[in-house]
N, C-alpha and C. Protein backbone atom coordinates (compact mmCIF):
# COMPACT_ATOMS: atom_id res chain seq x y z
N MET A 1 102.38 108.16 109.12
CA MET A 1 102.25 109.19 110.37
C MET A 1 102.68 108.89 111.72
N SER A 2 102.37 106.92 112.01
CA SER A 2 101.98 106.77 113.43
C SER A 2 103.98 106.75 113.42
N ASN A 3 104.55 106.39 112.40
CA ASN A 3 105.95 106.33 112.35
C ASN A 3 106.78 107.11 112.70
N CYS A 4 106.36 108.15 112.24
CA CYS A 4 107.13 109.45 112.30
C CYS A 4 106.83 109.94 113.90
N PHE A 5 105.82 109.40 114.65
CA PHE A 5 105.43 109.99 115.80
C PHE A 5 106.41 109.23 116.98
N LEU A 6 106.00 107.83 116.59
CA LEU A 6 107.10 106.44 117.58
C LEU A 6 108.65 106.98 117.57
N SER A 7 108.96 108.00 116.27
CA SER A 7 110.70 108.22 116.02
C SER A 7 110.90 109.32 116.59
N SER A 8 109.76 110.18 116.96
CA SER A 8 110.21 111.55 117.17
C SER A 8 110.15 112.43 116.10
N ASP A 9 109.87 111.92 115.29
CA ASP A 9 109.82 113.11 114.03
C ASP A 9 108.68 113.62 114.18
N TRP A 10 108.52 114.77 114.83
CA TRP A 10 107.57 115.37 115.03
C TRP A 10 106.76 116.44 113.86
N GLU A 11 107.78 116.95 112.98
CA GLU A 11 107.53 117.63 111.72
C GLU A 11 107.17 117.23 110.47
N HIS A 12 107.19 116.05 110.73
CA HIS A 12 107.10 114.90 109.39
C HIS A 12 105.52 114.28 109.84
N GLY A 13 105.34 113.57 111.07
CA GLY A 13 103.82 113.42 111.19
C GLY A 13 103.36 114.44 111.16
N ARG A 14 102.89 115.84 111.82
CA ARG A 14 102.32 116.71 111.48
C ARG A 14 102.24 116.95 109.94
N ASN A 15 103.22 116.85 108.93
CA ASN A 15 103.19 116.85 107.65
C ASN A 15 101.77 116.09 107.30
N PHE A 16 102.27 114.74 107.90
CA PHE A 16 101.33 113.30 107.54
C PHE A 16 99.37 113.61 107.84
N TYR A 17 100.01 114.40 108.96
CA TYR A 17 98.49 114.55 109.46
C TYR A 17 97.57 115.66 108.72
N ASN A 18 98.60 116.96 108.69
CA ASN A 18 97.55 117.63 107.79
C ASN A 18 97.32 117.45 106.51
N GLN A 19 98.24 116.49 105.67
CA GLN A 19 97.83 115.85 104.48
C GLN A 19 96.38 115.32 104.46
N ALA A 20 96.69 114.38 105.75
CA ALA A 20 95.23 113.23 105.77
C ALA A 20 93.84 114.00 105.98
N VAL A 21 93.76 115.11 106.43
CA VAL A 21 93.23 116.32 107.29
C VAL A 21 92.35 116.57 105.86
N LYS A 22 93.53 117.53 104.86
CA LYS A 22 93.12 117.85 103.73
C LYS A 22 92.53 116.53 102.64
N GLU A 23 93.07 115.50 102.26
CA GLU A 23 92.88 114.92 101.64
C GLU A 23 91.45 114.04 101.90
N THR A 24 91.07 114.11 103.12
CA THR A 24 89.75 113.25 103.54
C THR A 24 88.62 114.16 103.79
N LYS A 25 88.69 115.72 103.55
CA LYS A 25 87.72 116.79 104.19
C LYS A 25 86.69 116.63 103.10
N ASP A 26 86.84 116.44 101.84
CA ASP A 26 85.27 116.29 101.15
C ASP A 26 84.96 115.29 100.66
N ASP A 27 85.33 114.10 101.77
CA ASP A 27 85.62 112.79 100.79
C ASP A 27 84.64 112.07 101.95
N PHE A 28 83.21 111.33 101.30
CA PHE A 28 82.37 111.02 101.75
C PHE A 28 82.17 109.27 102.14
N ARG A 29 83.50 108.69 101.64
CA ARG A 29 83.51 107.36 101.69
C ARG A 29 83.57 107.27 102.64
N GLU A 30 83.27 105.70 103.44
CA GLU A 30 83.11 105.27 105.25
C GLU A 30 84.30 105.55 104.86
N SER A 31 85.68 105.10 104.58
CA SER A 31 87.04 104.50 104.98
C SER A 31 87.34 106.64 105.08
N ALA A 32 87.48 107.49 104.37
CA ALA A 32 87.58 108.23 104.47
C ALA A 32 87.15 109.31 105.34
N MET A 33 86.14 108.36 105.39
CA MET A 33 84.92 109.61 107.27
C MET A 33 85.98 108.99 108.15
N ALA A 34 85.87 107.70 107.90
CA ALA A 34 86.95 106.85 109.38
C ALA A 34 88.21 107.52 110.02
N VAL A 35 88.94 108.19 109.01
CA VAL A 35 90.13 108.94 109.05
C VAL A 35 89.60 110.40 109.17
N GLN A 36 89.19 110.89 108.79
CA GLN A 36 88.52 112.12 109.40
C GLN A 36 87.91 112.13 110.59
N ASP A 37 87.69 111.44 110.82
CA ASP A 37 86.84 110.84 112.87
C ASP A 37 88.47 110.83 113.49
N LEU A 38 89.22 110.08 112.84
CA LEU A 38 90.41 109.92 113.74
C LEU A 38 91.39 110.86 114.01
N VAL A 39 91.60 111.97 112.97
CA VAL A 39 92.36 112.70 113.01
C VAL A 39 91.70 113.83 113.67
N THR A 40 90.44 114.02 113.34
CA THR A 40 89.47 115.12 113.87
C THR A 40 89.47 115.02 115.64
N HIS A 41 89.31 113.88 115.88
CA HIS A 41 88.69 113.60 117.29
C HIS A 41 89.31 112.95 118.38
N LYS A 42 90.42 112.31 117.46
CA LYS A 42 91.34 111.64 118.76
C LYS A 42 92.87 112.22 118.45
N ILE A 43 93.26 112.21 117.26
CA ILE A 43 94.53 113.07 117.27
C ILE A 43 94.45 114.40 117.46
N ALA A 44 93.79 115.15 116.87
CA ALA A 44 93.89 116.41 116.97
C ALA A 44 93.88 117.12 118.09
N PRO A 45 93.55 116.89 119.28
CA PRO A 45 93.21 117.23 120.38
C PRO A 45 94.73 116.74 121.29
N ILE A 46 95.45 116.08 120.89
CA ILE A 46 96.58 115.44 121.52
C ILE A 46 97.75 115.73 120.20
N LEU A 47 98.17 116.54 119.57
CA LEU A 47 99.13 116.44 118.27
C LEU A 47 100.00 117.11 119.05
N SER A 48 99.78 118.32 120.57
CA SER A 48 100.92 119.19 120.43
C SER A 48 101.44 118.90 121.69
N ASN A 49 101.12 117.33 122.32
CA ASN A 49 101.09 116.61 123.57
C ASN A 49 101.77 115.37 123.04
N HIS A 50 103.70 115.28 122.73
CA HIS A 50 104.26 114.33 122.14
C HIS A 50 104.09 112.77 122.99
N GLU A 51 103.99 112.91 123.99
CA GLU A 51 104.25 112.04 125.61
C GLU A 51 102.55 111.41 125.14
N LYS A 52 101.30 111.67 124.80
CA LYS A 52 100.18 111.52 125.04
C LYS A 52 100.08 110.81 123.55
N LEU A 53 100.57 111.91 122.18
CA LEU A 53 100.48 111.10 121.19
C LEU A 53 101.00 109.62 120.71
N GLU A 54 102.48 109.89 121.40
CA GLU A 54 103.35 108.83 121.59
C GLU A 54 102.53 107.49 122.14
N GLU A 55 101.66 107.42 123.27
CA GLU A 55 101.01 106.62 123.67
C GLU A 55 99.76 106.16 123.24
N PHE A 56 98.99 107.35 122.19
CA PHE A 56 98.14 106.89 121.52
C PHE A 56 98.01 105.93 120.11
N VAL A 57 99.15 106.20 119.86
CA VAL A 57 99.56 105.74 118.73
C VAL A 57 100.18 103.76 119.34
N ILE A 58 101.20 104.01 120.56
CA ILE A 58 101.31 102.75 120.62
C ILE A 58 100.22 101.67 121.20
N ALA A 59 98.94 102.21 121.69
CA ALA A 59 97.92 101.72 122.15
C ALA A 59 97.03 101.42 120.78
N SER A 60 96.87 101.95 119.71
CA SER A 60 96.43 101.73 117.97
C SER A 60 97.29 100.16 117.57
N VAL A 61 98.24 100.16 117.81
CA VAL A 61 99.24 99.35 117.35
C VAL A 61 99.04 98.08 117.83
N ARG A 62 98.83 98.17 119.55
CA ARG A 62 98.67 97.21 120.09
C ARG A 62 97.39 96.43 119.85
N GLU A 63 96.53 97.08 119.73
CA GLU A 63 94.67 97.21 119.26
C GLU A 63 94.74 95.93 117.97
N SER A 64 95.15 96.73 117.07
CA SER A 64 95.76 96.79 115.78
C SER A 64 96.03 95.05 115.81
N ARG A 65 97.02 95.19 116.32
CA ARG A 65 97.90 93.57 116.66
C ARG A 65 96.88 92.58 117.09
N CYS A 66 96.13 93.18 118.01
CA CYS A 66 95.55 91.83 118.84
C CYS A 66 94.25 91.45 117.59
N ILE A 67 93.94 92.74 117.05
CA ILE A 67 92.93 92.11 115.83
C ILE A 67 92.97 91.20 115.13
N LEU A 68 94.55 91.37 114.59
CA LEU A 68 94.90 91.00 113.63
C LEU A 68 95.35 88.98 114.47
N ARG A 69 95.48 88.64 115.43
CA ARG A 69 96.09 87.48 116.25
C ARG A 69 94.36 86.78 116.10
N GLU A 70 93.42 87.50 115.79
CA GLU A 70 91.95 86.72 115.66
C GLU A 70 91.88 86.19 114.57
N LYS A 71 92.60 86.42 113.44
CA LYS A 71 92.68 85.97 112.06
C LYS A 71 93.37 84.15 112.27
N SER A 72 93.06 83.62 111.35
CA SER A 72 93.51 82.20 111.95
C SER A 72 95.04 82.11 111.20
N SER A 73 95.13 82.80 109.97
CA SER A 73 96.46 82.93 109.38
C SER A 73 97.75 83.97 110.18
N MET A 74 97.37 84.56 111.40
CA MET A 74 97.65 85.23 111.82
C MET A 74 98.27 84.99 113.45
N LYS A 75 97.38 83.58 113.62
CA LYS A 75 97.53 83.37 115.09
C LYS A 75 99.27 83.36 115.67
N LYS A 76 99.77 83.20 114.85
CA LYS A 76 101.55 83.02 115.05
C LYS A 76 102.37 84.65 115.24
N LEU A 77 101.45 85.33 115.25
CA LEU A 77 102.00 86.75 114.70
C LEU A 77 102.67 86.73 116.67
N ALA A 78 104.00 87.49 116.61
CA ALA A 78 104.59 87.02 118.00
C ALA A 78 104.25 88.64 118.81
N VAL A 79 103.92 88.57 120.34
CA VAL A 79 103.95 89.21 120.70
C VAL A 79 104.62 90.17 121.46
N ASP A 80 104.98 91.48 121.10
CA ASP A 80 105.94 92.19 121.49
C ASP A 80 105.55 93.07 122.72
N GLU A 81 106.72 93.08 123.51
CA GLU A 81 106.69 93.74 124.53
C GLU A 81 105.69 95.33 125.12
N LYS A 82 106.29 95.78 123.94
CA LYS A 82 105.81 97.35 124.35
C LYS A 82 104.83 97.54 123.11
N PHE A 83 104.76 97.13 121.65
CA PHE A 83 103.41 96.44 120.83
C PHE A 83 102.63 95.79 120.78
N GLY A 84 102.60 94.59 122.15
CA GLY A 84 101.30 93.77 122.11
C GLY A 84 101.51 92.14 121.29
């Protein structure tokens, strides 16, 4: 989904979004509930605003890369100007 939004492929991104909503709707495992929370509370309100959606995805990637660098095996992960 994120790759689609970053490459401005909004139609496929929305398809992945809808699929994530559908597949996690009645799933009460922690991971599925986390996905449901993400799509419902963070992505849904900005789904039609391409600029905000792209900003959200970039911020999420930056945060993930920052967390990865905390692992000893990932300390040398290069810092990207756009994605952290």
